[in-house]
């Protein structure tokens, strides 16, 4: 009799555990797995995105690397531009201004912070935030420009403005993963 009660208890607990696993939010299940390294076509640069992100998650023709987590509305794209395409006098600050101004021009009601200097894996960079709307959607960008030997890079991360605070750490994590493999 006691053995039957224990058997029923084990069966009940197993059923409860199964129910919890099935009912667990997909958000938790997405975190299972390994981060993904996304490399540029030439293999010279890379970023690492957390588990649950998909490479090429959106369409963009000018982007060298891109990924996103559609469920959490988190995205990154990296554009690598040869310094030789700019005048010899173009500095990282000049490049940053070009990128920042172009982004602001393409948004409705843009508001942004001033670029701050930082270093990402030994490379000098500038980082700033911009918020605004496009196609009736409010977006929050964290944009970082980085200078490596022969290139300027734009690391553009974004999320919905309403999710900025909850997603900021992941956007920073992805940005800080940028590497030159040269």
Protein backbone atom coordinates (compact mmCIF):
# COMPACT_ATOMS: atom_id res chain seq x y z
CA UNK A 1 0.00 0.00 0.00
CA UNK A 2 2.83 2.36 0.94
CA UNK A 3 4.66 1.38 -2.27
CA UNK A 4 1.53 2.24 -4.34
CA UNK A 5 1.31 5.69 -2.69
CA UNK A 6 5.01 6.31 -3.44
CA UNK A 7 4.47 5.18 -7.03
CA UNK A 8 1.49 7.54 -7.39
CA UNK A 9 3.52 10.34 -5.81
CA UNK A 10 6.41 9.77 -8.24
CA UNK A 11 3.97 9.69 -11.17
CA UNK A 12 2.30 12.88 -9.95
CA UNK A 13 5.63 14.63 -9.48
CA UNK A 14 6.79 13.53 -12.91
CA UNK A 15 3.57 14.84 -14.46
CA UNK A 16 3.96 18.12 -12.57
CA UNK A 17 7.58 18.43 -13.72
CA UNK A 18 6.54 17.79 -17.30
CA UNK A 19 3.77 20.39 -17.02
CA UNK A 20 6.22 22.95 -15.64
CA UNK A 21 8.68 22.23 -18.44
CA UNK A 22 5.99 22.54 -21.10
CA UNK A 23 4.49 25.65 -19.52
CA UNK A 24 7.86 27.33 -18.93
CA UNK A 25 8.19 30.48 -20.97
CA UNK A 26 10.01 30.12 -24.26
CA UNK A 27 12.17 33.01 -23.11
CA UNK A 28 13.91 30.75 -20.61
CA UNK A 29 14.33 27.98 -23.16
CA UNK A 30 15.94 30.40 -25.61
CA UNK A 31 18.83 30.93 -23.23
CA UNK A 32 19.76 27.26 -23.51
CA UNK A 33 22.54 26.80 -26.02
CA UNK A 34 25.77 28.42 -26.97
CA UNK A 35 26.51 31.92 -28.18
CA UNK A 36 27.03 32.27 -31.93
CA UNK A 37 30.07 33.89 -33.53
CA UNK A 38 29.07 35.94 -36.57
CA UNK A 39 31.95 36.68 -38.96
CA UNK A 40 32.34 39.13 -41.80
CA UNK A 41 32.48 37.60 -45.30
CA UNK A 42 36.24 38.14 -45.44
CA UNK A 43 36.69 36.60 -41.96
CA UNK A 44 38.54 39.66 -40.65
CA UNK A 45 35.94 40.75 -38.09
CA UNK A 46 33.45 39.10 -35.78
CA UNK A 47 30.85 39.62 -33.11
CA UNK A 48 29.38 37.13 -30.69
CA UNK A 49 25.65 37.03 -30.06
CA UNK A 50 23.90 35.22 -27.20
CA UNK A 51 22.02 31.96 -27.60
CA UNK A 52 18.61 32.54 -29.14
CA UNK A 53 19.86 35.09 -31.67
CA UNK A 54 19.75 34.26 -35.37
CA UNK A 55 22.34 35.29 -37.90
CA UNK A 56 20.84 37.21 -40.87
CA UNK A 57 17.62 37.81 -38.91
CA UNK A 58 16.65 40.80 -41.07
CA UNK A 59 17.26 42.19 -44.54
CA UNK A 60 20.00 44.74 -45.15
CA UNK A 61 22.21 44.97 -48.20
CA UNK A 62 24.96 47.20 -46.76
CA UNK A 63 25.54 45.12 -43.65
CA UNK A 64 28.63 42.96 -43.24
CA UNK A 65 27.34 41.14 -40.14
CA UNK A 66 23.82 41.04 -38.75
CA UNK A 67 21.83 39.09 -36.21
CA UNK A 68 18.77 39.45 -34.07
CA UNK A 69 16.52 37.98 -31.46
CA UNK A 70 13.10 38.57 -32.97
CA UNK A 71 11.16 37.52 -29.88
CA UNK A 72 12.96 40.04 -27.66
CA UNK A 73 13.27 42.72 -30.38
CA UNK A 74 17.08 42.88 -30.14
CA UNK A 75 19.19 43.49 -33.23
CA UNK A 76 22.77 44.18 -34.32
CA UNK A 77 24.39 45.04 -37.61
CA UNK A 78 28.01 45.82 -38.34
CA UNK A 79 29.17 47.84 -41.32
CA UNK A 80 32.88 47.77 -42.16
CA UNK A 81 34.14 50.62 -44.32
CA UNK A 82 37.63 50.94 -45.73
CA UNK A 83 39.47 54.04 -44.56
CA UNK A 84 40.79 54.40 -48.11
CA UNK A 85 37.24 55.39 -49.17
CA UNK A 86 37.56 58.54 -47.03
CA UNK A 87 40.03 61.40 -47.22
CA UNK A 88 43.33 60.93 -45.42
CA UNK A 89 42.25 63.61 -42.93
CA UNK A 90 39.16 61.67 -41.81
CA UNK A 91 39.46 60.78 -38.13
CA UNK A 92 37.37 58.47 -35.98
CA UNK A 93 35.58 61.55 -34.64
CA UNK A 94 34.81 62.71 -38.20
CA UNK A 95 33.50 59.25 -39.11
CA UNK A 96 31.41 59.14 -35.93
CA UNK A 97 29.86 62.50 -36.78
CA UNK A 98 28.98 61.31 -40.30
CA UNK A 99 27.29 58.17 -38.97
CA UNK A 100 25.50 60.00 -36.15
CA UNK A 101 24.21 62.78 -38.40
CA UNK A 102 22.96 60.30 -41.03
CA UNK A 103 21.13 58.27 -38.38
CA UNK A 104 19.53 61.36 -36.86
CA UNK A 105 18.39 62.55 -40.31
CA UNK A 106 16.58 59.26 -40.94
CA UNK A 107 14.50 59.38 -37.74
CA UNK A 108 11.45 61.34 -36.71
CA UNK A 109 12.00 63.28 -33.47
CA UNK A 110 15.55 62.08 -32.86
CA UNK A 111 17.19 62.61 -29.49
CA UNK A 112 20.71 61.51 -28.79
CA UNK A 113 23.63 61.59 -26.43
CA UNK A 114 27.07 62.89 -27.39
CA UNK A 115 29.66 60.28 -28.43
CA UNK A 116 31.89 59.12 -25.61
CA UNK A 117 35.33 57.54 -26.10
CA UNK A 118 35.83 53.88 -25.27
CA UNK A 119 38.07 50.98 -26.18
CA UNK A 120 36.74 47.67 -27.50
CA UNK A 121 39.28 44.86 -27.49
CA UNK A 122 42.17 47.27 -27.95
CA UNK A 123 40.47 49.36 -30.64
CA UNK A 124 39.51 53.00 -30.15
CA UNK A 125 35.83 53.75 -30.46
CA UNK A 126 33.04 56.21 -29.79
CA UNK A 127 29.63 55.27 -28.40
CA UNK A 128 26.32 57.10 -28.17
CA UNK A 129 22.59 56.51 -27.96
CA UNK A 130 19.86 57.77 -30.25
CA UNK A 131 16.11 57.42 -29.87
CA UNK A 132 13.49 58.31 -32.42
CA UNK A 133 10.84 56.76 -34.59
CA UNK A 134 10.73 55.28 -38.04
CA UNK A 135 7.72 53.78 -39.80
CA UNK A 136 5.61 54.61 -36.69
CA UNK A 137 7.85 52.53 -34.40
CA UNK A 138 9.88 54.04 -31.53
CA UNK A 139 13.44 52.72 -31.60
CA UNK A 140 16.38 53.02 -29.20
CA UNK A 141 19.83 52.66 -30.76
CA UNK A 142 23.19 52.08 -29.12
CA UNK A 143 25.73 52.94 -31.82
CA UNK A 144 29.45 52.41 -31.59
CA UNK A 145 32.04 53.42 -34.15
CA UNK A 146 35.40 51.68 -34.01
CA UNK A 147 38.69 52.22 -35.83
CA UNK A 148 40.93 49.30 -36.76
CA UNK A 149 44.01 49.27 -39.04
CA UNK A 150 42.41 49.82 -42.46
CA UNK A 151 38.75 50.17 -41.46
CA UNK A 152 36.10 52.21 -39.73
CA UNK A 153 33.24 50.16 -38.31
CA UNK A 154 29.68 50.90 -37.28
CA UNK A 155 28.28 48.55 -34.65
CA UNK A 156 24.61 49.42 -34.57
CA UNK A 157 22.43 47.73 -31.96
CA UNK A 158 18.80 48.52 -31.37
CA UNK A 159 15.58 47.55 -29.66
CA UNK A 160 12.13 49.00 -29.14
CA UNK A 161 12.26 52.19 -27.07
CA UNK A 162 9.95 50.59 -24.50
CA UNK A 163 12.48 47.75 -24.00
CA UNK A 164 15.62 49.89 -23.85
CA UNK A 165 16.29 49.48 -20.14
CA UNK A 166 15.66 45.73 -20.03
CA UNK A 167 17.73 45.08 -23.19
CA UNK A 168 20.59 47.52 -22.67
CA UNK A 169 22.95 45.00 -21.04
CA UNK A 170 22.59 42.56 -23.94
CA UNK A 171 23.15 45.32 -26.50
CA UNK A 172 26.35 46.30 -24.67
CA UNK A 173 27.45 42.67 -24.45
CA UNK A 174 27.08 42.19 -28.20
CA UNK A 175 28.82 45.50 -28.95
CA UNK A 176 31.74 44.69 -26.66
CA UNK A 177 32.21 41.32 -28.37
CA UNK A 178 33.43 43.00 -31.59
CA UNK A 179 36.83 41.63 -32.60
CA UNK A 180 39.31 42.12 -35.38
CA UNK A 181 40.80 38.75 -36.31
CA UNK A 182 43.66 40.30 -38.31
